[in-house]
C-alpha atoms as a PDB file:
ATOM      1  CA  MET A   1     285.379 101.313 254.971  1.00  0.00           C
ATOM      2  CA  HIS A   2     286.613  97.802 254.250  1.00  0.00           C
ATOM      3  CA  ALA A   3     290.009  99.027 253.051  1.00  0.00           C
ATOM      4  CA  LEU A   4     291.451  98.668 256.560  1.00  0.00           C
ATOM      5  CA  SER A   5     291.017  96.089 259.304  1.00  0.00           C
ATOM      6  CA  ILE A   6     289.377  96.987 262.614  1.00  0.00           C
ATOM      7  CA  PRO A   7     292.718  97.016 264.510  1.00  0.00           C
ATOM      8  CA  THR A   8     294.187  99.326 261.869  1.00  0.00           C
ATOM      9  CA  TRP A   9     291.179 101.629 262.186  1.00  0.00           C
ATOM     10  CA  ILE A  10     291.660 101.691 265.943  1.00  0.00           C
ATOM     11  CA  ILE A  11     295.277 102.753 265.458  1.00  0.00           C
ATOM     12  CA  HIS A  12     294.351 105.426 262.885  1.00  0.00           C
ATOM     13  CA  VAL A  13     291.578 106.947 264.969  1.00  0.00           C
ATOM     14  CA  SER A  14     293.483 106.774 268.248  1.00  0.00           C
ATOM     15  CA  SER A  15     296.479 108.449 266.592  1.00  0.00           C
ATOM     16  CA  VAL A  16     294.291 111.341 265.452  1.00  0.00           C
ATOM     17  CA  VAL A  17     292.777 111.666 268.927  1.00  0.00           C
ATOM     18  CA  GLU A  18     296.231 111.509 270.542  1.00  0.00           C
ATOM     19  CA  TRP A  19     297.496 114.218 268.196  1.00  0.00           C
ATOM     20  CA  ILE A  20     294.542 116.476 269.098  1.00  0.00           C
ATOM     21  CA  VAL A  21     295.249 115.931 272.798  1.00  0.00           C
ATOM     22  CA  ALA A  22     298.956 116.663 272.236  1.00  0.00           C
ATOM     23  CA  ILE A  23     298.098 119.934 270.490  1.00  0.00           C
ATOM     24  CA  TRP A  24     295.885 120.880 273.414  1.00  0.00           C
ATOM     25  CA  PHE A  25     298.570 119.951 276.000  1.00  0.00           C
ATOM     26  CA  VAL A  26     301.205 122.023 274.194  1.00  0.00           C
ATOM     27  CA  TRP A  27     298.812 124.984 274.096  1.00  0.00           C
ATOM     28  CA  ILE A  28     298.042 124.634 277.825  1.00  0.00           C
ATOM     29  CA  TYR A  29     301.768 124.345 278.602  1.00  0.00           C
ATOM     30  CA  GLY A  30     302.315 127.629 276.777  1.00  0.00           C
ATOM     31  CA  GLU A  31     299.600 129.256 278.888  1.00  0.00           C
ATOM     32  CA  ILE A  32     300.839 127.860 282.203  1.00  0.00           C
ATOM     33  CA  SER A  33     304.522 128.554 281.557  1.00  0.00           C
ATOM     34  CA  GLY A  34     303.840 131.998 280.132  1.00  0.00           C
ATOM     35  CA  ALA A  35     306.057 131.059 277.209  1.00  0.00           C
ATOM     36  CA  ARG A  36     303.752 131.835 274.351  1.00  0.00           C
ATOM     37  CA  TYR A  37     306.245 130.544 271.773  1.00  0.00           C
ATOM     38  CA  TRP A  38     304.892 127.096 272.651  1.00  0.00           C
ATOM     39  CA  TRP A  39     301.649 128.188 271.022  1.00  0.00           C
ATOM     40  CA  ALA A  40     303.527 128.305 267.728  1.00  0.00           C
ATOM     41  CA  LEU A  41     304.263 124.614 268.153  1.00  0.00           C
ATOM     42  CA  SER A  42     300.595 123.809 268.668  1.00  0.00           C
ATOM     43  CA  TRP A  43     299.696 125.795 265.527  1.00  0.00           C
ATOM     44  CA  ALA A  44     302.493 124.015 263.646  1.00  0.00           C
ATOM     45  CA  MET A  45     300.984 120.659 264.624  1.00  0.00           C
ATOM     46  CA  LEU A  46     297.711 121.396 262.806  1.00  0.00           C
ATOM     47  CA  PRO A  47     298.884 120.566 259.238  1.00  0.00           C
ATOM     48  CA  ALA A  48     299.933 117.099 260.424  1.00  0.00           C
ATOM     49  CA  LEU A  49     296.454 116.672 261.889  1.00  0.00           C
ATOM     50  CA  VAL A  50     294.910 117.646 258.556  1.00  0.00           C
ATOM     51  CA  SER A  51     297.207 115.134 256.868  1.00  0.00           C
ATOM     52  CA  ALA A  52     296.047 112.358 259.185  1.00  0.00           C
ATOM     53  CA  MET A  53     292.415 113.272 258.650  1.00  0.00           C
ATOM     54  CA  CYS A  54     292.926 113.147 254.875  1.00  0.00           C
ATOM     55  CA  ALA A  55     294.284 109.615 255.195  1.00  0.00           C
ATOM     56  CA  CYS A  56     291.416 108.500 257.425  1.00  0.00           C
ATOM     57  CA  THR A  57     288.834 110.048 255.113  1.00  0.00           C
ATOM     58  CA  TRP A  58     290.321 108.413 252.030  1.00  0.00           C
ATOM     59  CA  HIS A  59     290.408 105.019 253.716  1.00  0.00           C
ATOM     60  CA  PHE A  60     286.897 105.477 255.126  1.00  0.00           C
ATOM     61  CA  PHE A  61     285.585 105.753 251.564  1.00  0.00           C
ATOM     62  CA  ASP A  62     287.493 102.638 250.460  1.00  0.00           C
ATOM     63  CA  ASN A  63     290.249 104.540 248.640  1.00  0.00           C
ATOM     64  CA  LEU A  64     287.909 105.863 245.947  1.00  0.00           C
ATOM     65  CA  GLU A  65     289.580 107.082 242.759  1.00  0.00           C
ATOM     66  CA  SER A  66     287.466 110.238 242.892  1.00  0.00           C
ATOM     67  CA  LEU A  67     289.064 111.094 246.236  1.00  0.00           C
ATOM     68  CA  GLN A  68     292.625 110.652 245.007  1.00  0.00           C
ATOM     69  CA  TRP A  69     293.131 114.392 245.590  1.00  0.00           C
ATOM     70  CA  LEU A  70     293.094 113.604 249.320  1.00  0.00           C
ATOM     71  CA  VAL A  71     296.334 111.694 248.880  1.00  0.00           C
ATOM     72  CA  THR A  72     297.912 114.744 247.261  1.00  0.00           C
ATOM     73  CA  LEU A  73     296.547 116.998 250.007  1.00  0.00           C
ATOM     74  CA  GLN A  74     297.882 114.589 252.614  1.00  0.00           C
ATOM     75  CA  ALA A  75     301.349 114.730 251.074  1.00  0.00           C
ATOM     76  CA  LEU A  76     301.231 118.523 250.887  1.00  0.00           C
ATOM     77  CA  MET A  77     300.088 118.830 254.494  1.00  0.00           C
ATOM     78  CA  THR A  78     302.868 116.470 255.579  1.00  0.00           C
ATOM     79  CA  VAL A  79     305.481 118.704 253.934  1.00  0.00           C
ATOM     80  CA  VAL A  80     303.887 121.885 255.295  1.00  0.00           C
ATOM     81  CA  GLY A  81     303.521 120.306 258.733  1.00  0.00           C
ATOM     82  CA  ASN A  82     307.092 119.054 258.914  1.00  0.00           C
ATOM     83  CA  THR A  83     308.389 122.459 257.824  1.00  0.00           C
ATOM     84  CA  ALA A  84     306.155 124.248 260.339  1.00  0.00           C
ATOM     85  CA  LEU A  85     307.199 121.891 263.142  1.00  0.00           C
ATOM     86  CA  CYS A  86     310.857 122.470 262.303  1.00  0.00           C
ATOM     87  CA  ALA A  87     310.349 126.246 262.367  1.00  0.00           C
ATOM     88  CA  ALA A  88     308.420 126.100 265.651  1.00  0.00           C
ATOM     89  CA  ALA A  89     311.086 123.910 267.261  1.00  0.00           C
ATOM     90  CA  TRP A  90     313.770 126.364 266.111  1.00  0.00           C
ATOM     91  CA  TRP A  91     311.756 129.261 267.542  1.00  0.00           C
ATOM     92  CA  ILE A  92     311.441 127.491 270.898  1.00  0.00           C
ATOM     93  CA  TRP A  93     315.165 126.679 270.917  1.00  0.00           C
ATOM     94  CA  ARG A  94     316.078 130.262 270.042  1.00  0.00           C
ATOM     95  CA  SER A  95     313.685 131.734 272.623  1.00  0.00           C
ATOM     96  CA  VAL A  96     314.932 129.488 275.426  1.00  0.00           C
ATOM     97  CA  ARG A  97     318.523 130.217 274.461  1.00  0.00           C
ATOM     98  CA  GLN A  98     317.888 133.978 274.504  1.00  0.00           C
ATOM     99  CA  SER A  99     316.109 133.838 277.858  1.00  0.00           C
ATOM    100  CA  ASN A 100     318.987 131.813 279.322  1.00  0.00           C
ATOM    101  CA  ASN A 101     321.477 134.408 278.074  1.00  0.00           C
ATOM    102  CA  LEU A 102     319.458 137.179 279.718  1.00  0.00           C
ATOM    103  CA  VAL A 103     319.566 135.373 283.074  1.00  0.00           C
ATOM    104  CA  LYS A 104     323.381 135.114 283.128  1.00  0.00           C
END
C-alpha cells in the first residue's frame, strides 16, 4: 500500500466513489425521465469502474509482479468501457433525434 501517497489514494478512492454515484444518477435519470436508453449508459459505465478497481487493487498490493494481470485487465476494461460508452452515447443521440422527429 506504500506505492501511492495518501493524497493520491484519496483521489483514487474518491474517483471510484464518484463514478459509482454517477452510474447511479444516470440510472435514476433514466427512470425519472422514462427514457430507458439512459440505462444503457449506466451499464456502459461499468467496465470503466472495473478498470479503476483493477488499478486500485494493484496499487493496494504495492504493484506486485504476481498481480501484473490486473494491469492487462485494466487496459482491456478501458478499451471495452470506452467502446461501450461511445455506443451508449450514440444510442442516446439517435433516440433523442428520433423522438424529436416524431414530435415535428
